[in-house]
Amino acid sequence: MQIVIDIPDIMYTKIQNGKTDKRTLETVILHGAPLPKGHGRLIDADKLWDSYHDLDYDFYDALDLADTIIEAESEEEE
């Protein structure tokens, strides 16, 4: 399962430095948003929109150039 979490920078730094407790980590995970199984690649739609305009409304070129935030989950992963 993949989840997206939104945490303050200071909390992320504490987690990286091992200066947090199990309860804090559990809370962060519980507030995450699960991604649907078999999702496609996740991109920044605002950047895609800007590229679309910059490329004279060529959607396929804009989509090809869009930076991937999270890779697509293959059907085979569990």
N, C-alpha and C. Protein backbone atom coordinates (compact mmCIF):
# COMPACT_ATOMS: atom_id res chain seq x y z
N MET A 1 0.84 -1.17 0.00
CA MET A 1 0.00 0.00 0.00
C MET A 1 0.89 1.24 0.00
N GLN A 2 0.47 2.24 -0.76
CA GLN A 2 1.17 3.52 -0.77
C GLN A 2 0.23 4.57 -0.20
N ILE A 3 0.80 5.46 0.61
CA ILE A 3 0.01 6.56 1.15
C ILE A 3 0.76 7.86 0.94
N VAL A 4 0.01 8.95 0.90
CA VAL A 4 0.59 10.28 0.82
C VAL A 4 0.33 10.95 2.16
N ILE A 5 1.37 11.52 2.75
CA ILE A 5 1.21 12.20 4.02
C ILE A 5 1.67 13.65 3.89
N ASP A 6 1.03 14.51 4.65
CA ASP A 6 1.38 15.92 4.67
C ASP A 6 1.76 16.27 6.10
N ILE A 7 3.03 16.55 6.31
CA ILE A 7 3.50 16.87 7.65
C ILE A 7 4.35 18.14 7.60
N PRO A 8 4.38 18.88 8.69
CA PRO A 8 5.23 20.07 8.74
C PRO A 8 6.71 19.70 8.59
N ASP A 9 7.48 20.61 8.01
CA ASP A 9 8.92 20.37 7.81
C ASP A 9 9.62 20.02 9.11
N ILE A 10 9.27 20.71 10.20
CA ILE A 10 9.94 20.47 11.48
C ILE A 10 9.71 19.05 11.96
N MET A 11 8.50 18.52 11.75
CA MET A 11 8.22 17.14 12.16
C MET A 11 8.99 16.16 11.29
N TYR A 12 9.08 16.44 10.00
CA TYR A 12 9.84 15.58 9.09
C TYR A 12 11.30 15.51 9.52
N THR A 13 11.86 16.65 9.88
CA THR A 13 13.25 16.71 10.33
C THR A 13 13.43 15.88 11.60
N LYS A 14 12.49 16.00 12.52
CA LYS A 14 12.58 15.22 13.76
C LYS A 14 12.52 13.72 13.47
N ILE A 15 11.66 13.33 12.56
CA ILE A 15 11.55 11.91 12.19
C ILE A 15 12.86 11.43 11.58
N GLN A 16 13.44 12.23 10.69
CA GLN A 16 14.71 11.86 10.05
C GLN A 16 15.82 11.69 11.08
N ASN A 17 15.79 12.52 12.12
CA ASN A 17 16.84 12.49 13.14
C ASN A 17 16.54 11.51 14.27
N GLY A 18 15.45 10.76 14.14
CA GLY A 18 15.10 9.78 15.16
C GLY A 18 14.64 10.40 16.46
N LYS A 19 14.17 11.65 16.40
CA LYS A 19 13.76 12.35 17.62
C LYS A 19 12.24 12.45 17.71
N THR A 20 11.58 11.33 17.50
CA THR A 20 10.13 11.29 17.63
C THR A 20 9.74 9.93 18.21
N ASP A 21 8.54 9.85 18.71
CA ASP A 21 8.11 8.59 19.32
C ASP A 21 7.15 7.82 18.40
N LYS A 22 6.86 6.60 18.79
CA LYS A 22 6.02 5.72 17.99
C LYS A 22 4.63 6.31 17.80
N ARG A 23 4.08 6.94 18.81
CA ARG A 23 2.73 7.51 18.73
C ARG A 23 2.67 8.60 17.65
N THR A 24 3.70 9.44 17.57
CA THR A 24 3.73 10.49 16.55
C THR A 24 3.76 9.88 15.15
N LEU A 25 4.57 8.86 14.97
CA LEU A 25 4.65 8.19 13.67
C LEU A 25 3.31 7.55 13.30
N GLU A 26 2.66 6.93 14.26
CA GLU A 26 1.36 6.32 14.00
C GLU A 26 0.33 7.38 13.60
N THR A 27 0.36 8.52 14.27
CA THR A 27 -0.58 9.61 13.96
C THR A 27 -0.35 10.13 12.55
N VAL A 28 0.90 10.30 12.17
CA VAL A 28 1.23 10.78 10.83
C VAL A 28 0.70 9.80 9.78
N ILE A 29 0.91 8.53 10.00
CA ILE A 29 0.47 7.52 9.05
C ILE A 29 -1.05 7.46 8.98
N LEU A 30 -1.71 7.51 10.14
CA LEU A 30 -3.17 7.44 10.16
C LEU A 30 -3.84 8.60 9.43
N HIS A 31 -3.16 9.74 9.35
CA HIS A 31 -3.72 10.90 8.66
C HIS A 31 -3.33 10.94 7.18
N GLY A 32 -2.64 9.90 6.72
CA GLY A 32 -2.25 9.84 5.31
C GLY A 32 -3.42 9.49 4.42
N ALA A 33 -3.26 9.76 3.14
CA ALA A 33 -4.29 9.45 2.14
C ALA A 33 -3.82 8.24 1.33
N PRO A 34 -4.52 7.11 1.45
CA PRO A 34 -4.13 5.94 0.66
C PRO A 34 -4.32 6.18 -0.83
N LEU A 35 -3.38 5.71 -1.62
CA LEU A 35 -3.51 5.80 -3.06
C LEU A 35 -4.24 4.56 -3.56
N PRO A 36 -5.10 4.72 -4.55
CA PRO A 36 -5.83 3.55 -5.05
C PRO A 36 -4.90 2.54 -5.69
N LYS A 37 -5.21 1.27 -5.51
CA LYS A 37 -4.40 0.20 -6.08
C LYS A 37 -4.38 0.33 -7.61
N GLY A 38 -3.20 0.17 -8.18
CA GLY A 38 -3.06 0.24 -9.62
C GLY A 38 -3.10 1.66 -10.19
N HIS A 39 -2.85 2.67 -9.35
CA HIS A 39 -2.90 4.06 -9.82
C HIS A 39 -1.84 4.32 -10.88
N GLY A 40 -2.11 5.31 -11.71
CA GLY A 40 -1.14 5.75 -12.71
C GLY A 40 -0.11 6.66 -12.08
N ARG A 41 0.81 7.15 -12.88
CA ARG A 41 1.82 8.04 -12.32
C ARG A 41 1.16 9.34 -11.90
N LEU A 42 1.63 9.89 -10.81
CA LEU A 42 1.07 11.12 -10.29
C LEU A 42 1.96 12.28 -10.68
N ILE A 43 1.33 13.31 -11.24
CA ILE A 43 2.06 14.48 -11.72
C ILE A 43 1.43 15.74 -11.15
N ASP A 44 2.11 16.86 -11.28
CA ASP A 44 1.60 18.15 -10.84
C ASP A 44 0.73 18.72 -11.96
N ALA A 45 -0.58 18.75 -11.73
CA ALA A 45 -1.51 19.20 -12.77
C ALA A 45 -1.30 20.66 -13.13
N ASP A 46 -0.92 21.49 -12.17
CA ASP A 46 -0.69 22.91 -12.47
C ASP A 46 0.49 23.09 -13.43
N LYS A 47 1.55 22.34 -13.19
CA LYS A 47 2.71 22.41 -14.09
C LYS A 47 2.35 21.86 -15.47
N LEU A 48 1.54 20.81 -15.50
CA LEU A 48 1.08 20.25 -16.78
C LEU A 48 0.30 21.31 -17.55
N TRP A 49 -0.58 22.01 -16.88
CA TRP A 49 -1.39 23.06 -17.51
C TRP A 49 -0.49 24.15 -18.11
N ASP A 50 0.52 24.58 -17.34
CA ASP A 50 1.45 25.60 -17.83
C ASP A 50 2.21 25.10 -19.06
N SER A 51 2.68 23.86 -19.01
CA SER A 51 3.40 23.29 -20.15
C SER A 51 2.50 23.19 -21.37
N TYR A 52 1.26 22.83 -21.14
CA TYR A 52 0.28 22.70 -22.21
C TYR A 52 0.15 24.03 -22.97
N HIS A 53 0.08 25.12 -22.22
CA HIS A 53 0.00 26.44 -22.86
C HIS A 53 1.31 26.82 -23.54
N ASP A 54 2.43 26.54 -22.87
CA ASP A 54 3.74 26.88 -23.42
C ASP A 54 4.04 26.11 -24.71
N LEU A 55 3.45 24.94 -24.86
CA LEU A 55 3.71 24.09 -26.03
C LEU A 55 2.61 24.22 -27.07
N ASP A 56 1.98 25.39 -27.12
CA ASP A 56 0.93 25.67 -28.11
C ASP A 56 -0.19 24.63 -28.08
N TYR A 57 -0.60 24.27 -26.85
CA TYR A 57 -1.75 23.40 -26.64
C TYR A 57 -1.55 21.98 -27.18
N ASP A 58 -0.31 21.51 -27.14
CA ASP A 58 -0.03 20.12 -27.52
C ASP A 58 -0.05 19.28 -26.24
N PHE A 59 -1.19 18.68 -25.97
CA PHE A 59 -1.38 17.94 -24.73
C PHE A 59 -0.39 16.78 -24.58
N TYR A 60 -0.18 16.03 -25.64
CA TYR A 60 0.68 14.85 -25.54
C TYR A 60 2.13 15.21 -25.25
N ASP A 61 2.63 16.28 -25.87
CA ASP A 61 3.99 16.73 -25.55
C ASP A 61 4.07 17.21 -24.11
N ALA A 62 3.07 17.96 -23.67
CA ALA A 62 3.05 18.45 -22.29
C ALA A 62 3.02 17.28 -21.31
N LEU A 63 2.22 16.28 -21.60
CA LEU A 63 2.12 15.12 -20.72
C LEU A 63 3.44 14.35 -20.68
N ASP A 64 4.07 14.19 -21.83
CA ASP A 64 5.36 13.50 -21.88
C ASP A 64 6.44 14.22 -21.07
N LEU A 65 6.37 15.55 -21.02
CA LEU A 65 7.37 16.34 -20.32
C LEU A 65 7.07 16.54 -18.84
N ALA A 66 5.89 16.16 -18.40
CA ALA A 66 5.48 16.37 -17.00
C ALA A 66 6.36 15.55 -16.06
N ASP A 67 6.86 16.20 -15.01
CA ASP A 67 7.66 15.51 -14.01
C ASP A 67 6.78 14.55 -13.22
N THR A 68 7.28 13.36 -12.97
CA THR A 68 6.57 12.37 -12.18
C THR A 68 6.85 12.60 -10.71
N ILE A 69 5.79 12.71 -9.91
CA ILE A 69 5.93 12.87 -8.47
C ILE A 69 6.00 11.49 -7.82
N ILE A 70 5.10 10.61 -8.21
CA ILE A 70 5.08 9.23 -7.73
C ILE A 70 4.87 8.33 -8.94
N GLU A 71 5.73 7.33 -9.09
CA GLU A 71 5.62 6.41 -10.21
C GLU A 71 4.31 5.62 -10.14
N ALA A 72 3.86 5.17 -11.30
CA ALA A 72 2.65 4.34 -11.38
C ALA A 72 2.89 3.03 -10.64
N GLU A 73 1.82 2.54 -10.03
CA GLU A 73 1.89 1.24 -9.37
C GLU A 73 1.48 0.19 -10.39
N SER A 74 2.32 -0.82 -10.56
CA SER A 74 1.96 -1.86 -11.53
C SER A 74 0.88 -2.74 -10.97
N GLU A 75 0.17 -3.39 -11.85
CA GLU A 75 -0.92 -4.29 -11.46
C GLU A 75 -0.39 -5.47 -10.65
N GLU A 76 0.89 -5.81 -10.81
CA GLU A 76 1.46 -6.99 -10.18
C GLU A 76 1.84 -6.77 -8.73
N GLU A 77 2.05 -5.51 -8.30
CA GLU A 77 2.49 -5.22 -6.93
C GLU A 77 1.36 -5.49 -5.96
N GLU A 78 1.73 -5.92 -4.76
CA GLU A 78 0.73 -6.18 -3.73
C GLU A 78 1.06 -5.42 -2.49
